[in-house]
Amino acid sequence: MSDQQLEQKRVIWLRQMAAFGQGMPNGFAGVSLDVLDCALSSALALNLHCPVSMEMFVEGNRANAAPPKTMRIGIAADHAGYELRQYLFIKLNDAGYEVIDFGDRSPKMDDDYPNFVIPMAQAVASGKVERGVAICGSGVGASVAANKVLGVRACLIHESFSAHQGVEDDNLNVICLGGLVVGHASAWELVQTFLAAQFSGAERHRRRLDEIAALEKRELSKAS
């Protein structure tokens, strides 16, 4: 790595730390980005050695990022996901999100997840809600149902890497969870990570999503 590339990486790392407002090296806490821009015109001259990579820092702080207060979230679950839905509904409201509840609003053992997940997925596709949370017993059925709606990109997620990487690379807009698989606290961390992540917009990711969208259109034309 060249000196210029190393300098750029260090500056980016410090700016990221400042943006999060925590974990700054001694002497930099509370420093504004403008001051950093001036002070770090030559990061090499400061002889800084980052204790962790920028990627590691961001990974550890995604779930703590402040949520967009105006983001509208849809949530849906069947009987097997009812308790987790109740928990997440409260947590999302407390965190400042606007939450649209697509049910089921009482745990009926003979209910069917498509009746709740599909209307929620349609709301995501139409833009009525920005992202969705779908829950059934394992999360598998909810994922299958949500992905039948054109424009929805849903995935079963039970670990933190995919919760943000799926959004950053694949523009995931619905997270699916297993109410009988993942604990409440873990589910809340996953949902926070999912909602805090943003699509990178990188050309290679847009190209791949365009290929998927083209396939959807071809299949739709065959059916009509």
C-alpha atoms as a PDB file:
ATOM      1  CA  MET A   1       0.000   0.000   0.000  1.00  0.00           C
ATOM      2  CA  SER A   2       1.419   3.398  -0.991  1.00  0.00           C
ATOM      3  CA  ASP A   3       1.956   6.234   1.487  1.00  0.00           C
ATOM      4  CA  GLN A   4      -0.900   8.144  -0.127  1.00  0.00           C
ATOM      5  CA  GLN A   5      -3.286   5.184   0.192  1.00  0.00           C
ATOM      6  CA  LEU A   6      -2.244   4.658   3.816  1.00  0.00           C
ATOM      7  CA  GLU A   7      -2.818   8.324   4.578  1.00  0.00           C
ATOM      8  CA  GLN A   8      -6.261   8.206   2.996  1.00  0.00           C
ATOM      9  CA  LYS A   9      -7.195   5.105   4.973  1.00  0.00           C
ATOM     10  CA  ARG A  10      -6.143   6.707   8.264  1.00  0.00           C
ATOM     11  CA  VAL A  11      -8.046   9.888   7.535  1.00  0.00           C
ATOM     12  CA  ILE A  12     -11.167   7.898   6.619  1.00  0.00           C
ATOM     13  CA  TRP A  13     -10.820   5.858   9.816  1.00  0.00           C
ATOM     14  CA  LEU A  14     -10.573   8.937  12.002  1.00  0.00           C
ATOM     15  CA  ARG A  15     -13.448  10.662  10.234  1.00  0.00           C
ATOM     16  CA  GLN A  16     -15.567   7.547  10.752  1.00  0.00           C
ATOM     17  CA  MET A  17     -14.723   7.565  14.449  1.00  0.00           C
ATOM     18  CA  ALA A  18     -15.656  11.232  14.699  1.00  0.00           C
ATOM     19  CA  ALA A  19     -18.930  10.645  12.883  1.00  0.00           C
ATOM     20  CA  PHE A  20     -19.910   8.003  15.417  1.00  0.00           C
ATOM     21  CA  GLY A  21     -18.777  10.316  18.223  1.00  0.00           C
ATOM     22  CA  GLN A  22     -17.000   7.673  20.224  1.00  0.00           C
ATOM     23  CA  GLY A  23     -13.852   5.601  20.401  1.00  0.00           C
ATOM     24  CA  MET A  24     -11.599   8.456  19.216  1.00  0.00           C
ATOM     25  CA  PRO A  25      -7.893   8.167  19.983  1.00  0.00           C
ATOM     26  CA  ASN A  26      -6.644  10.311  22.873  1.00  0.00           C
ATOM     27  CA  GLY A  27      -6.587  13.969  21.893  1.00  0.00           C
ATOM     28  CA  PHE A  28      -9.249  13.643  19.188  1.00  0.00           C
ATOM     29  CA  ALA A  29     -12.445  13.109  21.219  1.00  0.00           C
ATOM     30  CA  GLY A  30     -15.093  15.646  20.295  1.00  0.00           C
ATOM     31  CA  VAL A  31     -13.096  17.050  17.400  1.00  0.00           C
ATOM     32  CA  SER A  32     -15.280  18.193  14.507  1.00  0.00           C
ATOM     33  CA  LEU A  33     -14.863  16.827  10.990  1.00  0.00           C
ATOM     34  CA  ASP A  34     -13.750  20.265   9.759  1.00  0.00           C
ATOM     35  CA  VAL A  35     -10.960  20.383  12.319  1.00  0.00           C
ATOM     36  CA  LEU A  36      -9.938  16.847  11.404  1.00  0.00           C
ATOM     37  CA  ASP A  37      -9.827  17.789   7.729  1.00  0.00           C
ATOM     38  CA  CYS A  38      -7.297  20.504   8.563  1.00  0.00           C
ATOM     39  CA  ALA A  39      -5.325  18.659  11.221  1.00  0.00           C
ATOM     40  CA  LEU A  40      -5.089  15.496   9.125  1.00  0.00           C
ATOM     41  CA  SER A  41      -3.884  17.070   5.911  1.00  0.00           C
ATOM     42  CA  SER A  42      -0.981  14.706   6.410  1.00  0.00           C
ATOM     43  CA  ALA A  43      -1.935  11.784   8.653  1.00  0.00           C
ATOM     44  CA  LEU A  44       1.467  10.202   8.155  1.00  0.00           C
ATOM     45  CA  ALA A  45       3.105  13.192   9.842  1.00  0.00           C
ATOM     46  CA  LEU A  46       1.097  12.400  12.977  1.00  0.00           C
ATOM     47  CA  ASN A  47       2.554   8.872  13.037  1.00  0.00           C
ATOM     48  CA  LEU A  48      -0.864   7.412  13.913  1.00  0.00           C
ATOM     49  CA  HIS A  49      -1.278   3.686  14.302  1.00  0.00           C
ATOM     50  CA  CYS A  50      -4.911   2.547  14.237  1.00  0.00           C
ATOM     51  CA  PRO A  51      -5.532  -0.141  16.886  1.00  0.00           C
ATOM     52  CA  VAL A  52      -8.387  -1.579  14.808  1.00  0.00           C
ATOM     53  CA  SER A  53      -9.391  -1.331  11.192  1.00  0.00           C
ATOM     54  CA  MET A  54     -12.167   0.996  10.107  1.00  0.00           C
ATOM     55  CA  GLU A  55     -14.192  -2.058   9.058  1.00  0.00           C
ATOM     56  CA  MET A  56     -13.913  -3.596  12.531  1.00  0.00           C
ATOM     57  CA  PHE A  57     -14.973  -0.343  14.173  1.00  0.00           C
ATOM     58  CA  VAL A  58     -17.998   0.112  11.924  1.00  0.00           C
ATOM     59  CA  GLU A  59     -18.986  -3.533  12.407  1.00  0.00           C
ATOM     60  CA  GLY A  60     -19.033  -3.044  16.153  1.00  0.00           C
ATOM     61  CA  ASN A  61     -21.114   0.111  16.024  1.00  0.00           C
ATOM     62  CA  ARG A  62     -23.738  -0.501  13.332  1.00  0.00           C
ATOM     63  CA  ALA A  63     -26.393  -1.531  15.820  1.00  0.00           C
ATOM     64  CA  ASN A  64     -25.724   1.636  17.838  1.00  0.00           C
ATOM     65  CA  ALA A  65     -26.252   4.025  14.921  1.00  0.00           C
ATOM     66  CA  ALA A  66     -29.096   6.458  15.430  1.00  0.00           C
ATOM     67  CA  PRO A  67     -32.178   5.313  13.476  1.00  0.00           C
ATOM     68  CA  PRO A  68     -33.817   7.568  10.920  1.00  0.00           C
ATOM     69  CA  LYS A  69     -36.767   8.833  12.967  1.00  0.00           C
ATOM     70  CA  THR A  70     -39.040   9.075   9.944  1.00  0.00           C
ATOM     71  CA  MET A  71     -38.440   5.547   8.654  1.00  0.00           C
ATOM     72  CA  ARG A  72     -41.689   3.616   8.314  1.00  0.00           C
ATOM     73  CA  ILE A  73     -41.383  -0.101   9.037  1.00  0.00           C
ATOM     74  CA  GLY A  74     -43.865  -2.876   8.296  1.00  0.00           C
ATOM     75  CA  ILE A  75     -43.992  -5.931  10.550  1.00  0.00           C
ATOM     76  CA  ALA A  76     -45.916  -9.169  10.061  1.00  0.00           C
ATOM     77  CA  ALA A  77     -46.026 -12.576  11.732  1.00  0.00           C
ATOM     78  CA  ASP A  78     -48.109 -15.701  12.126  1.00  0.00           C
ATOM     79  CA  HIS A  79     -48.850 -17.445  15.423  1.00  0.00           C
ATOM     80  CA  ALA A  80     -45.333 -18.892  15.672  1.00  0.00           C
ATOM     81  CA  GLY A  81     -43.820 -15.433  15.350  1.00  0.00           C
ATOM     82  CA  TYR A  82     -46.446 -13.639  17.435  1.00  0.00           C
ATOM     83  CA  GLU A  83     -44.429 -13.204  20.644  1.00  0.00           C
ATOM     84  CA  LEU A  84     -41.351 -11.973  18.789  1.00  0.00           C
ATOM     85  CA  ARG A  85     -43.499  -9.616  16.707  1.00  0.00           C
ATOM     86  CA  GLN A  86     -44.983  -8.149  19.887  1.00  0.00           C
ATOM     87  CA  TYR A  87     -41.512  -7.610  21.329  1.00  0.00           C
ATOM     88  CA  LEU A  88     -40.076  -6.038  18.169  1.00  0.00           C
ATOM     89  CA  PHE A  89     -43.135  -3.857  17.659  1.00  0.00           C
ATOM     90  CA  ILE A  90     -42.581  -2.280  21.083  1.00  0.00           C
ATOM     91  CA  LYS A  91     -38.817  -1.937  20.590  1.00  0.00           C
ATOM     92  CA  LEU A  92     -39.233  -0.297  17.186  1.00  0.00           C
ATOM     93  CA  ASN A  93     -41.787   2.165  18.502  1.00  0.00           C
ATOM     94  CA  ASP A  94     -39.592   3.000  21.472  1.00  0.00           C
ATOM     95  CA  ALA A  95     -36.663   3.582  19.103  1.00  0.00           C
ATOM     96  CA  GLY A  96     -38.652   6.195  17.191  1.00  0.00           C
ATOM     97  CA  TYR A  97     -39.667   4.258  14.100  1.00  0.00           C
ATOM     98  CA  GLU A  98     -43.162   4.482  12.655  1.00  0.00           C
ATOM     99  CA  VAL A  99     -44.374   0.882  12.710  1.00  0.00           C
ATOM    100  CA  ILE A 100     -47.228  -0.472  10.596  1.00  0.00           C
ATOM    101  CA  ASP A 101     -48.615  -3.722  12.012  1.00  0.00           C
ATOM    102  CA  PHE A 102     -49.833  -6.242   9.434  1.00  0.00           C
ATOM    103  CA  GLY A 103     -50.771  -8.854  12.038  1.00  0.00           C
ATOM    104  CA  ASP A 104     -51.535 -11.390  13.135  1.00  0.00           C
ATOM    105  CA  ARG A 105     -52.855  -9.454  16.119  1.00  0.00           C
ATOM    106  CA  SER A 106     -53.651 -12.535  18.192  1.00  0.00           C
ATOM    107  CA  PRO A 107     -51.961 -15.953  18.276  1.00  0.00           C
ATOM    108  CA  LYS A 108     -54.303 -18.246  16.334  1.00  0.00           C
ATOM    109  CA  MET A 109     -52.754 -21.669  15.758  1.00  0.00           C
ATOM    110  CA  ASP A 110     -54.519 -22.176  12.427  1.00  0.00           C
ATOM    111  CA  ASP A 111     -53.487 -18.868  10.839  1.00  0.00           C
ATOM    112  CA  ASP A 112     -51.359 -18.796   7.678  1.00  0.00           C
ATOM    113  CA  TYR A 113     -48.234 -16.650   7.347  1.00  0.00           C
ATOM    114  CA  PRO A 114     -48.904 -15.623   3.711  1.00  0.00           C
ATOM    115  CA  ASN A 115     -52.014 -13.743   4.859  1.00  0.00           C
ATOM    116  CA  PHE A 116     -49.839 -11.363   6.872  1.00  0.00           C
ATOM    117  CA  VAL A 117     -46.447 -11.446   5.190  1.00  0.00           C
ATOM    118  CA  ILE A 118     -47.644 -10.826   1.635  1.00  0.00           C
ATOM    119  CA  PRO A 119     -49.610  -7.615   2.416  1.00  0.00           C
ATOM    120  CA  MET A 120     -46.561  -6.335   4.278  1.00  0.00           C
ATOM    121  CA  ALA A 121     -44.280  -7.227   1.374  1.00  0.00           C
ATOM    122  CA  GLN A 122     -46.650  -5.476  -1.038  1.00  0.00           C
ATOM    123  CA  ALA A 123     -46.453  -2.371   1.141  1.00  0.00           C
ATOM    124  CA  VAL A 124     -42.648  -2.490   0.904  1.00  0.00           C
ATOM    125  CA  ALA A 125     -42.758  -2.912  -2.869  1.00  0.00           C
ATOM    126  CA  SER A 126     -45.183  -0.008  -3.288  1.00  0.00           C
ATOM    127  CA  GLY A 127     -43.212   2.287  -0.998  1.00  0.00           C
ATOM    128  CA  LYS A 128     -45.902   2.547   1.676  1.00  0.00           C
ATOM    129  CA  VAL A 129     -43.275   1.302   4.104  1.00  0.00           C
ATOM    130  CA  GLU A 130     -39.530   1.550   3.608  1.00  0.00           C
ATOM    131  CA  ARG A 131     -38.523  -1.835   5.015  1.00  0.00           C
ATOM    132  CA  GLY A 132     -40.195  -4.868   6.451  1.00  0.00           C
ATOM    133  CA  VAL A 133     -39.802  -7.456   9.188  1.00  0.00           C
ATOM    134  CA  ALA A 134     -41.432 -10.843   8.542  1.00  0.00           C
ATOM    135  CA  ILE A 135     -41.626 -13.577  11.164  1.00  0.00           C
ATOM    136  CA  CYS A 136     -42.849 -17.161  11.218  1.00  0.00           C
ATOM    137  CA  GLY A 137     -41.659 -20.210  13.157  1.00  0.00           C
ATOM    138  CA  SER A 138     -38.399 -20.731  11.259  1.00  0.00           C
ATOM    139  CA  GLY A 139     -38.455 -17.629   9.067  1.00  0.00           C
ATOM    140  CA  VAL A 140     -38.251 -19.809   5.956  1.00  0.00           C
ATOM    141  CA  GLY A 141     -41.910 -19.628   4.974  1.00  0.00           C
ATOM    142  CA  ALA A 142     -41.986 -15.883   5.575  1.00  0.00           C
ATOM    143  CA  SER A 143     -38.988 -15.497   3.276  1.00  0.00           C
ATOM    144  CA  VAL A 144     -40.549 -17.622   0.537  1.00  0.00           C
ATOM    145  CA  ALA A 145     -43.817 -15.685   0.708  1.00  0.00           C
ATOM    146  CA  ALA A 146     -42.226 -12.218   0.763  1.00  0.00           C
ATOM    147  CA  ASN A 147     -40.004 -12.976  -2.227  1.00  0.00           C
ATOM    148  CA  LYS A 148     -43.036 -13.779  -4.381  1.00  0.00           C
ATOM    149  CA  VAL A 149     -43.860 -10.057  -4.419  1.00  0.00           C
ATOM    150  CA  LEU A 150     -42.211  -8.212  -7.295  1.00  0.00           C
ATOM    151  CA  GLY A 151     -39.661  -5.724  -6.038  1.00  0.00           C
ATOM    152  CA  VAL A 152     -39.156  -7.368  -2.659  1.00  0.00           C
ATOM    153  CA  ARG A 153     -35.732  -8.666  -1.675  1.00  0.00           C
ATOM    154  CA  ALA A 154     -36.219 -10.720   1.476  1.00  0.00           C
ATOM    155  CA  CYS A 155     -33.862 -13.043   3.283  1.00  0.00           C
ATOM    156  CA  LEU A 156     -33.828 -15.255   6.360  1.00  0.00           C
ATOM    157  CA  ILE A 157     -31.165 -13.781   8.640  1.00  0.00           C
ATOM    158  CA  HIS A 158     -29.992 -15.031  12.011  1.00  0.00           C
ATOM    159  CA  GLU A 159     -26.467 -13.520  12.140  1.00  0.00           C
ATOM    160  CA  SER A 160     -25.199  -9.951  12.093  1.00  0.00           C
ATOM    161  CA  PHE A 161     -22.967  -9.972   9.015  1.00  0.00           C
ATOM    162  CA  SER A 162     -25.788 -10.751   6.610  1.00  0.00           C
ATOM    163  CA  ALA A 163     -28.077  -8.285   8.397  1.00  0.00           C
ATOM    164  CA  HIS A 164     -25.996  -5.380   7.090  1.00  0.00           C
ATOM    165  CA  GLN A 165     -24.228  -6.961   4.115  1.00  0.00           C
ATOM    166  CA  GLY A 166     -27.550  -7.969   2.576  1.00  0.00           C
ATOM    167  CA  VAL A 167     -28.595  -4.321   2.533  1.00  0.00           C
ATOM    168  CA  GLU A 168     -25.224  -2.898   1.516  1.00  0.00           C
ATOM    169  CA  ASP A 169     -24.650  -5.278  -1.397  1.00  0.00           C
ATOM    170  CA  ASP A 170     -28.091  -6.646  -2.328  1.00  0.00           C
ATOM    171  CA  ASN A 171     -30.409  -3.793  -1.277  1.00  0.00           C
ATOM    172  CA  LEU A 172     -32.345  -6.126   1.023  1.00  0.00           C
ATOM    173  CA  ASN A 173     -35.643  -4.548   2.038  1.00  0.00           C
ATOM    174  CA  VAL A 174     -37.260  -7.284   4.166  1.00  0.00           C
ATOM    175  CA  ILE A 175     -35.592  -9.199   6.991  1.00  0.00           C
ATOM    176  CA  CYS A 176     -37.111 -12.577   7.895  1.00  0.00           C
ATOM    177  CA  LEU A 177     -36.732 -14.103  11.335  1.00  0.00           C
ATOM    178  CA  GLY A 178     -37.641 -17.376  12.995  1.00  0.00           C
ATOM    179  CA  GLY A 179     -39.732 -16.767  16.070  1.00  0.00           C
ATOM    180  CA  LEU A 180     -38.927 -20.258  17.336  1.00  0.00           C
ATOM    181  CA  VAL A 181     -35.242 -20.035  16.452  1.00  0.00           C
ATOM    182  CA  VAL A 182     -33.780 -16.678  17.451  1.00  0.00           C
ATOM    183  CA  GLY A 183     -34.047 -15.080  20.895  1.00  0.00           C
ATOM    184  CA  HIS A 184     -35.721 -11.729  21.422  1.00  0.00           C
ATOM    185  CA  ALA A 185     -32.568  -9.795  22.276  1.00  0.00           C
ATOM    186  CA  SER A 186     -30.664 -11.263  19.327  1.00  0.00           C
ATOM    187  CA  ALA A 187     -33.560 -10.538  16.987  1.00  0.00           C
ATOM    188  CA  TRP A 188     -33.627  -6.906  18.094  1.00  0.00           C
ATOM    189  CA  GLU A 189     -29.900  -6.549  17.423  1.00  0.00           C
ATOM    190  CA  LEU A 190     -30.377  -8.037  13.960  1.00  0.00           C
ATOM    191  CA  VAL A 191     -33.272  -5.711  13.169  1.00  0.00           C
ATOM    192  CA  GLN A 192     -31.302  -2.672  14.344  1.00  0.00           C
ATOM    193  CA  THR A 193     -28.358  -3.672  12.182  1.00  0.00           C
ATOM    194  CA  PHE A 194     -30.623  -4.261   9.180  1.00  0.00           C
ATOM    195  CA  LEU A 195     -32.365  -0.903   9.546  1.00  0.00           C
ATOM    196  CA  ALA A 196     -29.142   1.052  10.095  1.00  0.00           C
ATOM    197  CA  ALA A 197     -27.507  -0.343   6.944  1.00  0.00           C
ATOM    198  CA  GLN A 198     -27.693   1.447   3.594  1.00  0.00           C
ATOM    199  CA  PHE A 199     -27.305   0.182   0.031  1.00  0.00           C
ATOM    200  CA  SER A 200     -23.801   0.997  -1.227  1.00  0.00           C
ATOM    201  CA  GLY A 201     -24.946   1.736  -4.777  1.00  0.00           C
ATOM    202  CA  ALA A 202     -21.762   0.202  -6.172  1.00  0.00           C
ATOM    203  CA  GLU A 203     -21.933  -0.466  -9.906  1.00  0.00           C
ATOM    204  CA  ARG A 204     -21.384  -4.206  -9.581  1.00  0.00           C
ATOM    205  CA  HIS A 205     -24.248  -4.513  -7.091  1.00  0.00           C
ATOM    206  CA  ARG A 206     -26.589  -2.419  -9.241  1.00  0.00           C
ATOM    207  CA  ARG A 207     -25.699  -4.565 -12.255  1.00  0.00           C
ATOM    208  CA  ARG A 208     -26.583  -7.774 -10.443  1.00  0.00           C
ATOM    209  CA  LEU A 209     -29.848  -6.369  -9.119  1.00  0.00           C
ATOM    210  CA  ASP A 210     -30.736  -5.211 -12.634  1.00  0.00           C
ATOM    211  CA  GLU A 211     -30.188  -8.772 -13.862  1.00  0.00           C
ATOM    212  CA  ILE A 212     -32.589 -10.071 -11.212  1.00  0.00           C
ATOM    213  CA  ALA A 213     -35.161  -7.389 -12.053  1.00  0.00           C
ATOM    214  CA  ALA A 214     -34.945  -8.308 -15.736  1.00  0.00           C
ATOM    215  CA  LEU A 215     -35.595 -11.958 -14.866  1.00  0.00           C
ATOM    216  CA  GLU A 216     -38.631 -10.970 -12.790  1.00  0.00           C
ATOM    217  CA  LYS A 217     -40.046  -9.002 -15.723  1.00  0.00           C
ATOM    218  CA  ARG A 218     -39.504 -11.914 -18.120  1.00  0.00           C
ATOM    219  CA  GLU A 219     -41.233 -14.345 -15.780  1.00  0.00           C
ATOM    220  CA  LEU A 220     -44.095 -11.891 -15.287  1.00  0.00           C
ATOM    221  CA  SER A 221     -44.592 -11.525 -19.029  1.00  0.00           C
ATOM    222  CA  LYS A 222     -44.712 -15.318 -19.412  1.00  0.00           C
ATOM    223  CA  ALA A 223     -47.466 -15.541 -16.825  1.00  0.00           C
ATOM    224  CA  SER A 224     -49.612 -12.832 -18.387  1.00  0.00           C
END
